[in-house]
């Protein structure tokens, strides 16, 4: 029996070593996962800080004007003030430099509308989309694309 207990001791020691190695591997894996999630939280915090840095919107104001609407029944007028929200200073500069062309395009789009179209929310949204589409056409040769984000109506009277 003494001979068999020597074999049992070796087997016992091998089992203990395997348990210790697997425990060490598991501890290392847990440490790495926890360390990565800590780094991830740091990145999330940094991302939140970047998001928290508020960017001021960039607006281009178009002076208010009055246009005749395309109504067959009677002479109808639209008095409107428009402000364009752009995504960068370059777009703002381009619009300001070409303001007479911008106003001309706006008058063309506005005067093609019917008064009945402009009194509903859907009509105003359609008008906003038409203005965006019209201003996407380059104002000058070799002009970079405008980053037009939104068309805002600051004054709007249909008479």
C-alpha atoms as a PDB file:
ATOM      1  CA  UNK A   1       0.000   0.000   0.000  1.00  0.00           C
ATOM      2  CA  UNK A   2       2.919   2.318   0.512  1.00  0.00           C
ATOM      3  CA  UNK A   3       3.627   2.218  -3.207  1.00  0.00           C
ATOM      4  CA  UNK A   4       0.090   3.225  -4.136  1.00  0.00           C
ATOM      5  CA  UNK A   5       0.096   6.170  -1.693  1.00  0.00           C
ATOM      6  CA  UNK A   6       3.145   7.622  -3.546  1.00  0.00           C
ATOM      7  CA  UNK A   7       1.119   7.593  -6.783  1.00  0.00           C
ATOM      8  CA  UNK A   8      -1.819   9.158  -4.978  1.00  0.00           C
ATOM      9  CA  UNK A   9       0.409  11.919  -3.639  1.00  0.00           C
ATOM     10  CA  UNK A  10       1.653  12.728  -7.142  1.00  0.00           C
ATOM     11  CA  UNK A  11      -1.904  12.782  -8.447  1.00  0.00           C
ATOM     12  CA  UNK A  12      -2.963  14.972  -5.510  1.00  0.00           C
ATOM     13  CA  UNK A  13      -0.088  17.412  -6.156  1.00  0.00           C
ATOM     14  CA  UNK A  14      -0.922  17.543  -9.878  1.00  0.00           C
ATOM     15  CA  UNK A  15      -4.558  18.266  -9.028  1.00  0.00           C
ATOM     16  CA  UNK A  16      -3.548  21.030  -6.561  1.00  0.00           C
ATOM     17  CA  UNK A  17      -1.222  22.608  -9.149  1.00  0.00           C
ATOM     18  CA  UNK A  18      -3.967  22.483 -11.815  1.00  0.00           C
ATOM     19  CA  UNK A  19      -6.487  24.074  -9.445  1.00  0.00           C
ATOM     20  CA  UNK A  20      -4.000  26.817  -8.533  1.00  0.00           C
ATOM     21  CA  UNK A  21      -3.141  27.458 -12.196  1.00  0.00           C
ATOM     22  CA  UNK A  22      -6.779  27.610 -13.254  1.00  0.00           C
ATOM     23  CA  UNK A  23      -7.607  29.883 -10.292  1.00  0.00           C
ATOM     24  CA  UNK A  24      -4.705  32.164 -11.234  1.00  0.00           C
ATOM     25  CA  UNK A  25      -5.862  32.220 -14.877  1.00  0.00           C
ATOM     26  CA  UNK A  26      -9.418  33.023 -13.832  1.00  0.00           C
ATOM     27  CA  UNK A  27      -8.189  35.803 -11.531  1.00  0.00           C
ATOM     28  CA  UNK A  28      -6.061  37.250 -14.354  1.00  0.00           C
ATOM     29  CA  UNK A  29      -9.021  37.118 -16.761  1.00  0.00           C
ATOM     30  CA  UNK A  30     -11.297  38.845 -14.223  1.00  0.00           C
ATOM     31  CA  UNK A  31      -8.646  41.512 -13.589  1.00  0.00           C
ATOM     32  CA  UNK A  32      -8.289  42.188 -17.322  1.00  0.00           C
ATOM     33  CA  UNK A  33     -12.059  42.405 -17.837  1.00  0.00           C
ATOM     34  CA  UNK A  34     -12.443  44.742 -14.863  1.00  0.00           C
ATOM     35  CA  UNK A  35      -9.507  46.867 -16.052  1.00  0.00           C
ATOM     36  CA  UNK A  36     -11.029  47.151 -19.535  1.00  0.00           C
ATOM     37  CA  UNK A  37     -14.404  48.200 -18.144  1.00  0.00           C
ATOM     38  CA  UNK A  38     -12.646  50.837 -16.009  1.00  0.00           C
ATOM     39  CA  UNK A  39     -10.934  52.148 -19.138  1.00  0.00           C
ATOM     40  CA  UNK A  40     -14.264  52.005 -20.949  1.00  0.00           C
ATOM     41  CA  UNK A  41     -15.870  54.095 -18.225  1.00  0.00           C
ATOM     42  CA  UNK A  42     -13.070  56.605 -18.594  1.00  0.00           C
ATOM     43  CA  UNK A  43     -13.744  56.756 -22.329  1.00  0.00           C
ATOM     44  CA  UNK A  44     -17.457  57.142 -21.670  1.00  0.00           C
ATOM     45  CA  UNK A  45     -16.714  59.976 -19.270  1.00  0.00           C
ATOM     46  CA  UNK A  46     -14.483  61.604 -21.873  1.00  0.00           C
ATOM     47  CA  UNK A  47     -17.188  61.155 -24.508  1.00  0.00           C
ATOM     48  CA  UNK A  48     -19.731  62.688 -22.152  1.00  0.00           C
ATOM     49  CA  UNK A  49     -17.375  65.616 -21.552  1.00  0.00           C
ATOM     50  CA  UNK A  50     -17.067  66.119 -25.302  1.00  0.00           C
ATOM     51  CA  UNK A  51     -20.850  65.974 -25.657  1.00  0.00           C
ATOM     52  CA  UNK A  52     -21.204  68.263 -22.671  1.00  0.00           C
ATOM     53  CA  UNK A  53     -19.101  70.891 -24.457  1.00  0.00           C
ATOM     54  CA  UNK A  54     -21.970  72.754 -26.017  1.00  0.00           C
ATOM     55  CA  UNK A  55     -21.531  74.013 -29.541  1.00  0.00           C
ATOM     56  CA  UNK A  56     -23.191  77.299 -30.271  1.00  0.00           C
ATOM     57  CA  UNK A  57     -25.499  77.150 -33.273  1.00  0.00           C
ATOM     58  CA  UNK A  58     -24.537  79.156 -36.332  1.00  0.00           C
ATOM     59  CA  UNK A  59     -27.358  81.249 -37.812  1.00  0.00           C
ATOM     60  CA  UNK A  60     -27.632  83.329 -40.964  1.00  0.00           C
ATOM     61  CA  UNK A  61     -30.456  85.847 -40.744  1.00  0.00           C
ATOM     62  CA  UNK A  62     -32.271  86.882 -43.904  1.00  0.00           C
ATOM     63  CA  UNK A  63     -34.000  90.232 -43.605  1.00  0.00           C
ATOM     64  CA  UNK A  64     -37.816  89.950 -43.645  1.00  0.00           C
ATOM     65  CA  UNK A  65     -39.589  90.587 -46.939  1.00  0.00           C
ATOM     66  CA  UNK A  66     -43.006  90.488 -48.566  1.00  0.00           C
ATOM     67  CA  UNK A  67     -43.920  88.484 -51.680  1.00  0.00           C
ATOM     68  CA  UNK A  68     -47.044  88.037 -53.783  1.00  0.00           C
ATOM     69  CA  UNK A  69     -48.349  84.487 -53.652  1.00  0.00           C
ATOM     70  CA  UNK A  70     -49.475  82.448 -56.644  1.00  0.00           C
ATOM     71  CA  UNK A  71     -53.214  82.642 -55.910  1.00  0.00           C
ATOM     72  CA  UNK A  72     -55.698  82.776 -58.772  1.00  0.00           C
ATOM     73  CA  UNK A  73     -58.631  83.991 -56.665  1.00  0.00           C
ATOM     74  CA  UNK A  74     -57.231  87.143 -55.102  1.00  0.00           C
ATOM     75  CA  UNK A  75     -54.036  89.001 -54.498  1.00  0.00           C
ATOM     76  CA  UNK A  76     -52.455  87.301 -51.460  1.00  0.00           C
ATOM     77  CA  UNK A  77     -49.265  88.336 -49.701  1.00  0.00           C
ATOM     78  CA  UNK A  78     -46.723  86.582 -47.536  1.00  0.00           C
ATOM     79  CA  UNK A  79     -44.599  88.537 -45.096  1.00  0.00           C
ATOM     80  CA  UNK A  80     -41.814  86.365 -43.743  1.00  0.00           C
ATOM     81  CA  UNK A  81     -38.530  86.466 -41.928  1.00  0.00           C
ATOM     82  CA  UNK A  82     -36.215  83.505 -42.411  1.00  0.00           C
ATOM     83  CA  UNK A  83     -33.147  82.397 -40.490  1.00  0.00           C
ATOM     84  CA  UNK A  84     -30.922  79.595 -41.774  1.00  0.00           C
ATOM     85  CA  UNK A  85     -29.085  77.341 -39.330  1.00  0.00           C
ATOM     86  CA  UNK A  86     -25.811  76.086 -40.813  1.00  0.00           C
ATOM     87  CA  UNK A  87     -23.255  73.587 -39.591  1.00  0.00           C
ATOM     88  CA  UNK A  88     -20.058  75.579 -40.076  1.00  0.00           C
ATOM     89  CA  UNK A  89     -18.625  79.068 -40.453  1.00  0.00           C
ATOM     90  CA  UNK A  90     -17.704  78.459 -44.092  1.00  0.00           C
ATOM     91  CA  UNK A  91     -21.370  77.921 -45.015  1.00  0.00           C
ATOM     92  CA  UNK A  92     -22.311  81.077 -43.114  1.00  0.00           C
ATOM     93  CA  UNK A  93     -19.687  83.099 -44.981  1.00  0.00           C
ATOM     94  CA  UNK A  94     -20.809  81.766 -48.364  1.00  0.00           C
ATOM     95  CA  UNK A  95     -24.459  82.612 -47.656  1.00  0.00           C
ATOM     96  CA  UNK A  96     -23.627  86.093 -46.383  1.00  0.00           C
ATOM     97  CA  UNK A  97     -21.391  86.825 -49.400  1.00  0.00           C
ATOM     98  CA  UNK A  98     -24.141  85.731 -51.794  1.00  0.00           C
ATOM     99  CA  UNK A  99     -27.129  87.189 -49.915  1.00  0.00           C
ATOM    100  CA  UNK A 100     -28.684  88.872 -53.002  1.00  0.00           C
ATOM    101  CA  UNK A 101     -28.751  85.478 -54.746  1.00  0.00           C
ATOM    102  CA  UNK A 102     -30.117  83.810 -51.611  1.00  0.00           C
ATOM    103  CA  UNK A 103     -32.925  86.381 -51.352  1.00  0.00           C
ATOM    104  CA  UNK A 104     -33.724  86.007 -55.054  1.00  0.00           C
ATOM    105  CA  UNK A 105     -33.990  82.235 -54.724  1.00  0.00           C
ATOM    106  CA  UNK A 106     -36.176  82.604 -51.636  1.00  0.00           C
ATOM    107  CA  UNK A 107     -38.513  85.004 -53.434  1.00  0.00           C
ATOM    108  CA  UNK A 108     -38.791  82.570 -56.355  1.00  0.00           C
ATOM    109  CA  UNK A 109     -39.687  79.669 -54.067  1.00  0.00           C
ATOM    110  CA  UNK A 110     -42.067  81.692 -51.897  1.00  0.00           C
ATOM    111  CA  UNK A 111     -43.951  83.346 -54.757  1.00  0.00           C
ATOM    112  CA  UNK A 112     -44.683  79.931 -56.289  1.00  0.00           C
ATOM    113  CA  UNK A 113     -46.674  78.885 -53.202  1.00  0.00           C
ATOM    114  CA  UNK A 114     -50.452  79.151 -52.691  1.00  0.00           C
ATOM    115  CA  UNK A 115     -51.792  80.856 -49.568  1.00  0.00           C
ATOM    116  CA  UNK A 116     -53.848  77.751 -48.758  1.00  0.00           C
ATOM    117  CA  UNK A 117     -50.645  75.663 -48.729  1.00  0.00           C
ATOM    118  CA  UNK A 118     -48.886  77.973 -46.293  1.00  0.00           C
ATOM    119  CA  UNK A 119     -51.525  78.035 -43.580  1.00  0.00           C
ATOM    120  CA  UNK A 120     -50.973  74.407 -42.524  1.00  0.00           C
ATOM    121  CA  UNK A 121     -48.025  72.918 -40.663  1.00  0.00           C
ATOM    122  CA  UNK A 122     -47.425  70.497 -43.547  1.00  0.00           C
ATOM    123  CA  UNK A 123     -47.325  73.437 -45.961  1.00  0.00           C
ATOM    124  CA  UNK A 124     -44.691  75.222 -43.886  1.00  0.00           C
ATOM    125  CA  UNK A 125     -42.620  72.022 -43.697  1.00  0.00           C
ATOM    126  CA  UNK A 126     -42.940  71.612 -47.487  1.00  0.00           C
ATOM    127  CA  UNK A 127     -41.839  75.209 -47.967  1.00  0.00           C
ATOM    128  CA  UNK A 128     -38.869  74.653 -45.667  1.00  0.00           C
ATOM    129  CA  UNK A 129     -37.862  71.588 -47.709  1.00  0.00           C
ATOM    130  CA  UNK A 130     -38.220  73.481 -51.001  1.00  0.00           C
ATOM    131  CA  UNK A 131     -36.031  76.288 -49.665  1.00  0.00           C
ATOM    132  CA  UNK A 132     -33.384  73.783 -48.563  1.00  0.00           C
ATOM    133  CA  UNK A 133     -33.435  72.093 -51.968  1.00  0.00           C
ATOM    134  CA  UNK A 134     -33.149  75.426 -53.780  1.00  0.00           C
ATOM    135  CA  UNK A 135     -30.224  76.600 -51.656  1.00  0.00           C
ATOM    136  CA  UNK A 136     -28.341  73.328 -52.179  1.00  0.00           C
ATOM    137  CA  UNK A 137     -27.685  74.431 -55.759  1.00  0.00           C
ATOM    138  CA  UNK A 138     -24.235  76.120 -55.676  1.00  0.00           C
ATOM    139  CA  UNK A 139     -24.304  79.910 -55.569  1.00  0.00           C
ATOM    140  CA  UNK A 140     -20.899  80.218 -57.258  1.00  0.00           C
ATOM    141  CA  UNK A 141     -18.503  78.162 -59.343  1.00  0.00           C
ATOM    142  CA  UNK A 142     -16.321  75.717 -57.377  1.00  0.00           C
ATOM    143  CA  UNK A 143     -18.327  76.344 -54.217  1.00  0.00           C
ATOM    144  CA  UNK A 144     -18.064  73.659 -51.546  1.00  0.00           C
ATOM    145  CA  UNK A 145     -21.436  72.182 -50.560  1.00  0.00           C
ATOM    146  CA  UNK A 146     -23.363  74.191 -47.989  1.00  0.00           C
ATOM    147  CA  UNK A 147     -23.993  72.572 -44.621  1.00  0.00           C
ATOM    148  CA  UNK A 148     -27.582  73.813 -44.301  1.00  0.00           C
ATOM    149  CA  UNK A 149     -29.141  72.212 -41.239  1.00  0.00           C
ATOM    150  CA  UNK A 150     -32.505  73.930 -40.858  1.00  0.00           C
ATOM    151  CA  UNK A 151     -34.763  76.628 -42.290  1.00  0.00           C
ATOM    152  CA  UNK A 152     -36.430  78.614 -39.524  1.00  0.00           C
ATOM    153  CA  UNK A 153     -39.358  80.975 -39.997  1.00  0.00           C
ATOM    154  CA  UNK A 154     -38.943  83.830 -37.544  1.00  0.00           C
ATOM    155  CA  UNK A 155     -41.874  85.846 -38.925  1.00  0.00           C
ATOM    156  CA  UNK A 156     -44.739  84.477 -40.998  1.00  0.00           C
ATOM    157  CA  UNK A 157     -47.925  86.303 -41.989  1.00  0.00           C
ATOM    158  CA  UNK A 158     -50.207  85.267 -44.861  1.00  0.00           C
ATOM    159  CA  UNK A 159     -52.648  87.998 -45.841  1.00  0.00           C
END
